[in-house]
Protein backbone atom coordinates (compact mmCIF):
# COMPACT_ATOMS: atom_id res chain seq x y z
CA TYR A 1 162.40 -144.48 17.85
CA SER A 2 160.62 -146.58 15.15
CA ASN A 3 157.67 -146.88 12.81
CA TYR A 4 154.25 -147.81 14.13
CA GLY A 5 153.53 -151.52 14.24
CA ASN A 6 154.76 -153.47 17.31
CA LEU A 7 155.26 -152.08 20.84
CA PRO A 8 158.87 -151.14 21.74
CA THR A 9 160.97 -153.85 23.27
CA GLU A 10 162.78 -151.69 25.81
CA VAL A 11 161.65 -150.32 29.12
CA GLY A 12 160.85 -146.47 28.92
CA THR A 13 158.23 -143.80 28.10
CA TYR A 14 157.16 -143.42 24.56
CA SER A 15 154.77 -141.12 22.55
CA LEU A 16 152.73 -142.53 19.69
CA VAL A 17 152.20 -139.63 17.20
CA VAL A 18 149.68 -139.68 14.36
CA ILE A 19 149.75 -136.88 11.80
CA THR A 20 146.88 -136.71 9.14
CA LYS A 21 147.37 -134.67 5.95
CA GLU A 22 144.82 -132.09 4.87
CA ASN A 23 142.27 -133.13 2.22
CA ASN A 24 138.88 -131.68 0.77
CA ASN A 25 137.02 -132.62 3.94
CA TYR A 26 139.46 -132.18 6.90
CA ASN A 27 142.32 -129.96 8.00
CA ALA A 28 145.80 -131.54 8.89
CA THR A 29 145.62 -132.99 12.45
CA THR A 30 148.35 -134.02 14.89
CA ARG A 31 147.46 -136.41 17.88
CA TRP A 32 149.60 -138.26 20.22
CA THR A 33 149.37 -140.42 23.31
CA VAL A 34 152.13 -141.12 25.91
CA PHE A 35 152.56 -144.70 27.30
CA SER A 36 155.27 -146.51 29.26
CA ILE A 37 156.76 -149.94 28.92
CA ILE A 38 157.56 -151.08 32.31
CA SER A 39 159.61 -154.01 33.78
CA ASN A 40 157.73 -157.09 34.68
CA ASN A 41 159.09 -158.72 37.76
CA ASN A 42 156.93 -161.79 37.10
CA LYS A 43 158.44 -162.70 33.73
CA GLU A 44 157.76 -165.80 32.15
CA LYS A 45 160.42 -168.34 31.37
CA CYS A 46 161.93 -168.22 27.97
CA PRO A 47 160.36 -170.83 25.60
CA ILE A 48 163.05 -173.23 24.56
CA THR A 49 162.46 -176.04 22.12
CA PHE A 50 164.82 -178.44 20.29
CA ASN A 51 164.56 -179.69 16.66
CA ALA A 52 166.00 -183.06 17.37
CA LYS A 53 165.57 -186.80 17.61
CA GLU A 54 165.80 -188.92 20.74
CA SER A 55 168.37 -191.23 19.19
CA TYR A 56 171.15 -190.94 16.57
CA VAL A 57 173.46 -193.50 14.91
CA LEU A 58 177.20 -192.89 15.40
CA GLY A 59 178.63 -191.09 12.29
CA GLU A 60 175.15 -189.95 11.16
CA GLU A 61 175.10 -186.47 9.78
CA ALA A 62 172.60 -184.74 11.88
CA ILE A 63 172.04 -181.26 13.21
CA ILE A 64 170.41 -180.37 16.43
CA GLU A 65 168.74 -177.02 16.54
CA ILE A 66 168.00 -174.91 19.52
CA VAL A 67 164.75 -172.73 18.97
CA VAL A 68 164.44 -169.63 21.09
CA PRO A 69 162.54 -166.39 20.37
CA GLU A 70 164.37 -163.87 18.14
CA GLY A 71 167.01 -161.79 19.94
CA ILE A 72 167.46 -164.10 22.93
CA THR A 73 170.99 -165.05 23.78
CA TYR A 74 171.95 -168.29 25.29
CA THR A 75 174.82 -170.69 26.05
CA ALA A 76 174.65 -174.35 25.43
CA GLN A 77 176.87 -177.35 26.16
CA TYR A 78 176.73 -181.15 25.90
CA GLU A 79 176.98 -183.04 29.16
CA LYS A 80 177.72 -186.80 29.62
CA ASN A 81 177.24 -188.45 32.93
CA GLU A 82 176.25 -185.04 34.39
CA GLN A 83 179.80 -183.72 33.47
CA PHE A 84 180.75 -181.10 30.80
CA TYR A 85 181.44 -183.02 27.48
CA SER A 86 181.80 -180.18 24.89
CA SER A 87 180.38 -176.91 23.77
CA PHE A 88 177.47 -177.12 21.55
CA ASN A 89 178.12 -176.78 17.92
CA GLY A 90 174.86 -178.08 16.42
CA ASN A 91 176.45 -181.41 15.40
CA ILE A 92 175.88 -184.67 17.38
CA PRO A 93 178.83 -185.91 19.58
CA ASN A 94 181.18 -188.35 17.95
CA GLN A 95 181.17 -190.98 20.69
CA ALA A 96 178.35 -193.40 21.67
CA GLY A 97 176.54 -192.62 24.85
CA THR A 98 173.64 -190.70 26.47
CA TYR A 99 173.96 -186.94 26.33
CA SER A 100 172.17 -183.96 27.74
CA LEU A 101 172.05 -180.69 25.73
CA VAL A 102 171.92 -178.01 28.42
CA VAL A 103 170.72 -174.59 27.48
CA ASP A 104 170.72 -171.40 29.60
CA THR A 105 169.17 -168.21 28.40
CA ASN A 106 169.81 -164.76 29.63
CA GLU A 107 167.21 -162.63 31.17
CA ASN A 108 165.87 -159.64 28.97
CA GLU A 109 162.92 -157.30 29.02
CA LEU A 110 160.43 -160.01 28.24
CA TYR A 111 161.70 -163.31 29.76
CA ALA A 112 163.33 -164.56 32.92
CA ALA A 113 166.68 -166.46 32.63
CA THR A 114 165.81 -170.02 31.83
CA HIS A 115 167.50 -173.29 32.24
CA ALA A 116 166.44 -176.22 29.94
CA TRP A 117 167.89 -179.43 28.62
CA TYR A 118 167.13 -182.26 26.19
CA VAL A 119 168.35 -185.84 26.55
CA PHE A 120 169.37 -188.00 23.51
CA THR A 121 171.46 -191.15 22.80
CA VAL A 122 174.17 -191.79 20.29
CA VAL A 123 174.43 -195.58 19.38
């Protein structure tokens, strides 16, 4: 499945196999342990943060970054007056106003689906 290091990220039963090589003091040895990764029904919400400011100047070249753990998929959109404004593309909107950047992550083996938002203004 993979080299030793981190626990597997998928639900299932695994064997960790350790094989030593023979040397002057010891014979070659093989040992293993079997363990399971189970689904956690009490999953934490996915951590979502935003690399962004609270206010931007119209025409300013700025990028908003959504930060989620590696491998997490999400959808994101801008809303204005609690209505869809546009899909998220990283750039700030090109009209003055107050916006919400709304992010929804999908559930996976580690995290529950999460809904988060960040509010900012363009002046």
